[in-house]
Protein backbone atom coordinates (compact mmCIF):
# COMPACT_ATOMS: atom_id res chain seq x y z
CA UNK A 1 23.95 -5.03 22.32
CA UNK A 2 24.59 -6.36 18.83
CA UNK A 3 23.62 -4.05 16.02
CA UNK A 4 20.87 -5.07 13.69
CA UNK A 5 20.66 -4.30 10.02
CA UNK A 6 18.27 -1.66 8.73
CA UNK A 7 14.70 -3.00 8.60
CA UNK A 8 15.73 -6.31 10.14
CA UNK A 9 12.85 -7.64 12.18
CA UNK A 10 13.80 -9.08 15.54
CA UNK A 11 11.97 -12.39 15.93
CA UNK A 12 10.15 -12.91 19.22
CA UNK A 13 11.27 -15.53 21.71
CA UNK A 14 8.88 -18.46 22.01
CA UNK A 15 8.99 -20.65 25.09
CA UNK A 16 7.48 -24.11 24.71
CA UNK A 17 6.15 -25.59 27.94
CA UNK A 18 6.06 -29.29 27.07
CA UNK A 19 4.60 -30.31 30.42
CA UNK A 20 1.54 -28.05 30.17
CA UNK A 21 1.31 -27.96 26.36
CA UNK A 22 1.54 -24.17 26.36
CA UNK A 23 3.62 -21.67 24.39
CA UNK A 24 4.66 -18.22 25.58
CA UNK A 25 5.66 -15.52 23.10
CA UNK A 26 8.05 -12.93 24.51
CA UNK A 27 8.01 -9.63 22.64
CA UNK A 28 7.58 -5.88 23.11
CA UNK A 29 5.50 -3.26 21.35
CA UNK A 30 5.28 0.49 22.00
CA UNK A 31 2.48 0.07 24.54
CA UNK A 32 4.43 -2.52 26.48
CA UNK A 33 7.62 -0.44 26.53
CA UNK A 34 5.62 2.57 27.72
CA UNK A 35 4.14 0.39 30.48
CA UNK A 36 7.67 -0.62 31.53
CA UNK A 37 8.90 2.97 31.48
CA UNK A 38 5.96 4.09 33.61
CA UNK A 39 7.19 1.63 36.23
CA UNK A 40 10.68 3.13 36.15
CA UNK A 41 12.35 0.40 34.08
CA UNK A 42 15.49 1.45 32.19
CA UNK A 43 17.06 -1.13 29.90
CA UNK A 44 20.49 0.43 30.46
CA UNK A 45 20.22 -0.64 34.14
CA UNK A 46 20.31 -4.33 33.15
CA UNK A 47 24.12 -4.35 33.08
CA UNK A 48 24.46 -2.52 36.41
CA UNK A 49 21.79 -4.45 38.34
CA UNK A 50 21.49 -7.85 36.63
CA UNK A 51 20.00 -9.78 39.56
CA UNK A 52 17.15 -7.28 39.75
CA UNK A 53 16.73 -6.08 36.18
CA UNK A 54 17.14 -9.30 34.16
CA UNK A 55 14.18 -11.05 35.86
CA UNK A 56 12.23 -7.79 35.57
CA UNK A 57 12.91 -7.57 31.82
CA UNK A 58 11.95 -11.24 31.47
CA UNK A 59 8.65 -10.55 33.28
CA UNK A 60 7.93 -7.50 31.12
CA UNK A 61 8.54 -9.53 27.95
CA UNK A 62 5.39 -11.54 28.73
CA UNK A 63 3.20 -8.43 28.93
CA UNK A 64 2.47 -7.99 25.21
CA UNK A 65 0.93 -11.44 24.68
CA UNK A 66 0.34 -12.77 28.20
CA UNK A 67 -0.81 -9.89 30.42
CA UNK A 68 -2.16 -12.17 33.12
CA UNK A 69 1.07 -14.06 33.80
CA UNK A 70 2.32 -13.04 37.24
CA UNK A 71 5.87 -12.14 38.18
CA UNK A 72 5.88 -15.15 40.48
CA UNK A 73 5.14 -17.39 37.49
CA UNK A 74 7.76 -15.73 35.26
CA UNK A 75 10.35 -16.14 38.03
CA UNK A 76 9.41 -19.81 38.33
CA UNK A 77 9.75 -20.20 34.53
CA UNK A 78 13.10 -18.37 34.50
CA UNK A 79 14.74 -19.99 37.50
CA UNK A 80 13.06 -23.39 37.90
CA UNK A 81 11.85 -24.41 34.44
CA UNK A 82 14.62 -22.88 32.32
CA UNK A 83 17.33 -23.04 34.98
CA UNK A 84 18.37 -19.49 34.04
CA UNK A 85 18.67 -17.78 30.69
CA UNK A 86 20.28 -19.69 27.87
CA UNK A 87 23.14 -17.99 26.06
CA UNK A 88 21.90 -15.25 23.74
CA UNK A 89 18.49 -14.86 25.36
CA UNK A 90 19.29 -11.68 27.28
CA UNK A 91 20.70 -10.05 24.15
CA UNK A 92 17.54 -10.97 22.21
CA UNK A 93 15.30 -9.61 24.99
CA UNK A 94 17.17 -6.31 24.86
CA UNK A 95 16.83 -6.22 21.05
CA UNK A 96 13.11 -6.91 21.37
CA UNK A 97 12.74 -4.19 24.00
CA UNK A 98 14.61 -1.70 21.81
CA UNK A 99 12.72 -2.48 18.57
CA UNK A 100 9.69 -0.23 19.27
CA UNK A 101 11.99 2.80 19.56
CA UNK A 102 12.47 2.59 15.78
CA UNK A 103 8.93 3.96 15.46
CA UNK A 104 10.09 7.23 17.04
CA UNK A 105 12.72 7.98 14.43
CA UNK A 106 12.45 7.95 10.67
CA UNK A 107 15.02 5.84 8.88
CA UNK A 108 16.59 7.89 6.10
CA UNK A 109 17.31 4.76 4.04
CA UNK A 110 13.76 3.39 4.14
CA UNK A 111 10.69 4.98 2.63
CA UNK A 112 7.83 5.59 5.07
CA UNK A 113 4.99 3.08 4.81
CA UNK A 114 2.17 5.57 4.26
CA UNK A 115 3.56 9.10 4.06
CA UNK A 116 0.65 11.47 4.62
CA UNK A 117 2.75 14.33 5.87
CA UNK A 118 6.13 15.82 5.11
CA UNK A 119 8.52 17.74 7.34
CA UNK A 120 10.44 20.85 6.36
CA UNK A 121 13.21 22.30 8.53
């Protein structure tokens, strides 16, 4: 996975369905990543099991903004409508999936947004 600069926001992926005049925003937040983890998804498995895990990650990317889109529909979008993932899309999905983890760790170079508590070791 390519490294991202400190505080760089990873832009979501937006799919434009010209035929149905519909847009799909693919993105992850903490709640969505937790939902994926509860189902046993591990992003590090994508490289080992790409035929299983890449479509699964693609399906999960719809969850944040389009909870009612079925896996059957996301598979149809991925395989039939897109004809597979364009170059760079998998890397961006992994970056989007990883972005919520930043909330777990404090960045020493960036000031907290609303510090209401301090930590002493």
